[in-house]
Structure formats: C-alpha cells, structure tokens
Protein backbone atom coordinates (compact mmCIF):
# COMPACT_ATOMS: atom_id res chain seq x y z
CA MET A 1 51.41 10.57 4.80
CA SER A 2 48.74 13.20 4.19
CA ARG A 3 47.45 11.23 1.20
CA LEU A 4 47.14 8.10 3.36
CA LYS A 5 45.15 9.99 6.01
CA HIS A 6 42.85 11.39 3.35
CA THR A 7 42.25 7.89 1.91
CA ALA A 8 41.57 6.54 5.40
CA ARG A 9 39.03 9.30 6.02
CA VAL A 10 37.26 8.59 2.73
CA VAL A 11 37.12 4.86 3.53
CA CYS A 12 35.76 5.61 7.02
CA LEU A 13 33.15 8.00 5.62
CA CYS A 14 32.01 5.47 3.02
CA SER A 15 31.87 2.71 5.64
CA LEU A 16 29.88 4.90 8.00
CA THR A 17 27.48 5.87 5.22
CA SER A 18 27.01 2.19 4.31
CA LEU A 19 26.29 1.28 7.93
CA VAL A 20 23.76 4.09 8.23
CA LEU A 21 21.99 3.02 5.04
CA VAL A 22 21.91 -0.66 6.09
CA GLY A 23 20.46 0.39 9.44
CA CYS A 24 17.73 2.38 7.68
CA GLN A 25 15.71 -0.62 6.54
CA ASN A 26 12.85 0.13 8.93
CA LEU A 27 12.86 3.87 8.36
CA ASN A 28 10.36 5.75 6.24
CA LYS A 29 11.43 7.61 3.12
CA THR A 30 11.66 10.94 4.96
CA GLN A 31 14.17 9.51 7.41
CA LYS A 32 16.11 7.66 4.70
CA GLY A 33 16.22 10.82 2.59
CA ALA A 34 17.51 12.84 5.52
CA ALA A 35 20.24 10.27 6.27
CA LEU A 36 21.32 9.95 2.66
CA GLY A 37 21.14 13.71 2.09
CA THR A 38 23.21 14.37 5.21
CA ALA A 39 25.91 11.91 4.15
CA ALA A 40 26.02 13.14 0.56
CA GLY A 41 25.87 16.79 1.63
CA ALA A 42 28.70 16.33 4.13
CA GLY A 43 30.85 14.69 1.48
CA LEU A 44 30.20 17.34 -1.13
CA GLY A 45 30.50 20.11 1.43
CA ALA A 46 33.88 18.78 2.56
CA ILE A 47 35.12 18.68 -1.02
CA ILE A 48 33.93 22.22 -1.73
CA GLY A 49 35.17 23.43 1.66
CA HIS A 50 38.57 21.89 1.01
CA GLN A 51 38.82 23.91 -2.20
CA THR A 52 38.07 27.13 -0.33
CA GLY A 53 40.27 26.30 2.65
CA ASN A 54 37.57 25.42 5.21
CA ARG A 55 36.80 21.72 4.85
CA ASP A 56 35.10 21.23 8.24
CA LEU A 57 32.72 24.16 7.85
CA GLY A 58 31.92 23.01 4.31
CA ALA A 59 31.12 19.52 5.60
CA LEU A 60 28.81 20.92 8.31
CA ILE A 61 26.97 23.21 5.93
CA GLY A 62 26.71 20.44 3.33
CA ALA A 63 25.38 18.00 5.92
CA GLY A 64 22.71 20.47 7.04
CA VAL A 65 21.59 21.40 3.55
CA GLY A 66 21.75 17.80 2.34
CA GLY A 67 19.79 16.53 5.33
CA VAL A 68 17.01 19.06 4.87
CA GLY A 69 16.87 18.49 1.11
CA GLY A 70 16.84 14.71 1.50
CA ALA A 71 14.11 14.90 4.14
CA LEU A 72 11.95 17.09 1.89
CA VAL A 73 12.30 14.70 -1.05
CA GLY A 74 11.64 11.68 1.17
CA ASN A 75 8.62 13.37 2.75
CA ALA A 76 7.14 14.02 -0.69
CA GLN A 77 7.60 10.34 -1.53
CA ASP A 78 5.96 9.29 1.76
CA ALA A 79 3.01 11.59 1.06
CA ALA A 80 2.62 10.15 -2.45
CA ASP A 81 2.71 6.60 -1.05
CA GLU A 82 0.06 7.46 1.54
CA ARG A 83 -2.13 9.09 -1.12
CA ASP A 84 -1.80 6.07 -3.41
CA ALA A 85 -2.68 3.69 -0.56
CA ALA A 86 -5.73 5.78 0.37
CA LEU A 87 -6.92 5.82 -3.26
CA ALA A 88 -6.47 2.06 -3.58
CA HIS A 89 -8.40 1.49 -0.34
CA ALA A 90 -11.21 3.80 -1.46
CA HIS A 91 -11.41 2.02 -4.82
CA HIS A 92 -11.56 -1.39 -3.11
CA THR A 93 -14.26 -0.17 -0.71
CA ASN A 94 -16.29 1.28 -3.58
CA MET A 95 -16.02 -1.94 -5.59
CA SER A 96 -17.11 -3.98 -2.55
CA ARG A 97 -20.13 -1.76 -2.02
CA GLN A 98 -21.10 -2.06 -5.68
CA ALA A 99 -20.77 -5.85 -5.52
CA ASP A 100 -22.90 -5.95 -2.37
CA ALA A 101 -25.55 -3.76 -4.00
CA ARG A 102 -25.71 -6.08 -7.04
CA ALA A 103 -25.73 -9.30 -5.01
CA VAL A 104 -28.84 -11.48 -5.05
CA THR A 105 -30.47 -12.11 -1.65
CA ASN A 106 -32.81 -14.80 -0.31
CA LEU A 107 -35.74 -12.44 -0.82
CA ASP A 108 -34.72 -11.84 -4.46
CA VAL A 109 -34.70 -15.60 -5.10
CA ILE A 110 -38.11 -16.08 -3.45
CA HIS A 111 -39.49 -13.16 -5.48
CA MET A 112 -38.20 -14.69 -8.75
CA VAL A 113 -39.68 -18.11 -7.87
CA GLN A 114 -43.06 -16.59 -7.00
CA ASN A 115 -43.04 -14.85 -10.39
CA ASN A 116 -42.36 -18.12 -12.24
CA VAL A 117 -38.82 -17.28 -13.36
CA PRO A 118 -37.23 -20.54 -14.60
CA ASP A 119 -34.58 -22.17 -12.38
CA ARG A 120 -31.86 -21.83 -15.05
CA VAL A 121 -32.45 -18.05 -15.16
CA ILE A 122 -32.36 -17.77 -11.37
CA ILE A 123 -29.12 -19.79 -11.23
CA ALA A 124 -27.57 -17.70 -14.03
CA THR A 125 -28.53 -14.53 -12.16
CA ILE A 126 -26.89 -15.83 -8.99
CA GLN A 127 -23.75 -16.75 -10.94
CA SER A 128 -23.48 -13.42 -12.73
CA ARG A 129 -24.37 -11.09 -9.86
CA GLY A 130 -23.09 -13.03 -6.87
CA GLY A 131 -25.09 -13.52 -3.74
CA ARG A 132 -25.44 -12.53 -0.11
CA PHE A 133 -27.44 -15.42 1.22
CA ASP A 134 -28.55 -16.53 4.64
CA THR A 135 -27.76 -20.25 4.44
CA SER A 136 -28.71 -21.18 7.97
CA PRO A 137 -30.88 -24.30 8.33
CA GLN A 138 -33.90 -22.12 9.13
CA ALA A 139 -33.35 -20.00 6.01
CA ILE A 140 -32.96 -23.06 3.78
CA THR A 141 -36.18 -24.50 5.22
CA SER A 142 -37.92 -21.19 4.53
CA LEU A 143 -36.60 -21.16 0.93
CA HIS A 144 -37.86 -24.72 0.39
CA GLN A 145 -41.28 -23.87 1.86
CA SER A 146 -41.44 -20.85 -0.47
CA GLY A 147 -41.10 -23.13 -3.49
CA VAL A 148 -37.40 -22.65 -4.26
CA SER A 149 -36.12 -25.77 -6.01
CA GLU A 150 -33.22 -27.91 -4.82
CA PRO A 151 -30.92 -26.93 -7.76
CA VAL A 152 -31.44 -23.23 -6.98
CA ILE A 153 -30.77 -23.78 -3.26
CA GLN A 154 -27.61 -25.73 -4.14
CA SER A 155 -26.53 -22.85 -6.38
CA MET A 156 -27.01 -20.49 -3.44
CA LEU A 157 -24.77 -22.68 -1.27
CA ARG A 158 -21.79 -22.50 -3.67
C-alpha cells in the first residue's frame, strides 16, 4: 500500500508541475525559471530528504533553493533578451538615419538640373540613394518651373 501511495504522489506532483508549466505561457523567463526551479527543487529535495529521513523538510529546502536558482537563471535570460532587443532597435535606428542622410531631396534634384547633370545620372542617383521628396502638387509645379524634366519627376514619384 505504501508503494501505491508513493506512486500516486509522484503522479500528482508530475501533473501539478505540468499544469504550472502550461499556465506559464504568458510569464517571462524569470517567472518560468522560478516555477520550474521550485518544482524540480522540491522533487529533488524530497528524494534527498527521504534518504536522510526528513522528506518534507528536504522538499521545502529544495523548493526554495530551486526557485531562487531558477529565477536567477531566468532573469539572466530576460536581461539578455532585453539587451538584444535594444541593440537591434539601435541598429535599425542608426540605419534609418544613415538612409535619411543619403537620401536625395527636391533641392538636390533642382541643384543637379541647374548644373546640367544629365537626366539619366539624376535618375540613377535617385535609384541608388533613395529619396525624401515633397511630391505635393505645389512642389511638383516648382520642380517643373525649375527645369526638372518629366522623366526625373516621374522617377521621384516612384
């Protein structure tokens, strides 16, 4: 009968651990680590405590140590994830700023036209560097009045 009770306890503990882990889907890694560490620590502590004659105390100590250890590991993973996300955001912001700095503007196009740069070169420059153009009707009229050709204006609209 004792063996049956022990098996029932193990099944209950495993079921409880599974339910806790399934319920942890919305938790961060610190919380998941604490839950998993607590469950694993309690199990190991109970086994060790059983060998020394104090199963319950072993389970409590194991749960405490496991919970703290799991939380520390999970917290380190959360911190690494936050750092990686911050680095990725900074890289994206930097790349966007560089692209904006390289982008051709309406004034750049007018300057190239006034200095007799051929249309094909202006269009190639727009294609290679990108553009930040004011394409309002007033701006297009101003470009046309400044001598910018229709193919260049169409290139600016793409």
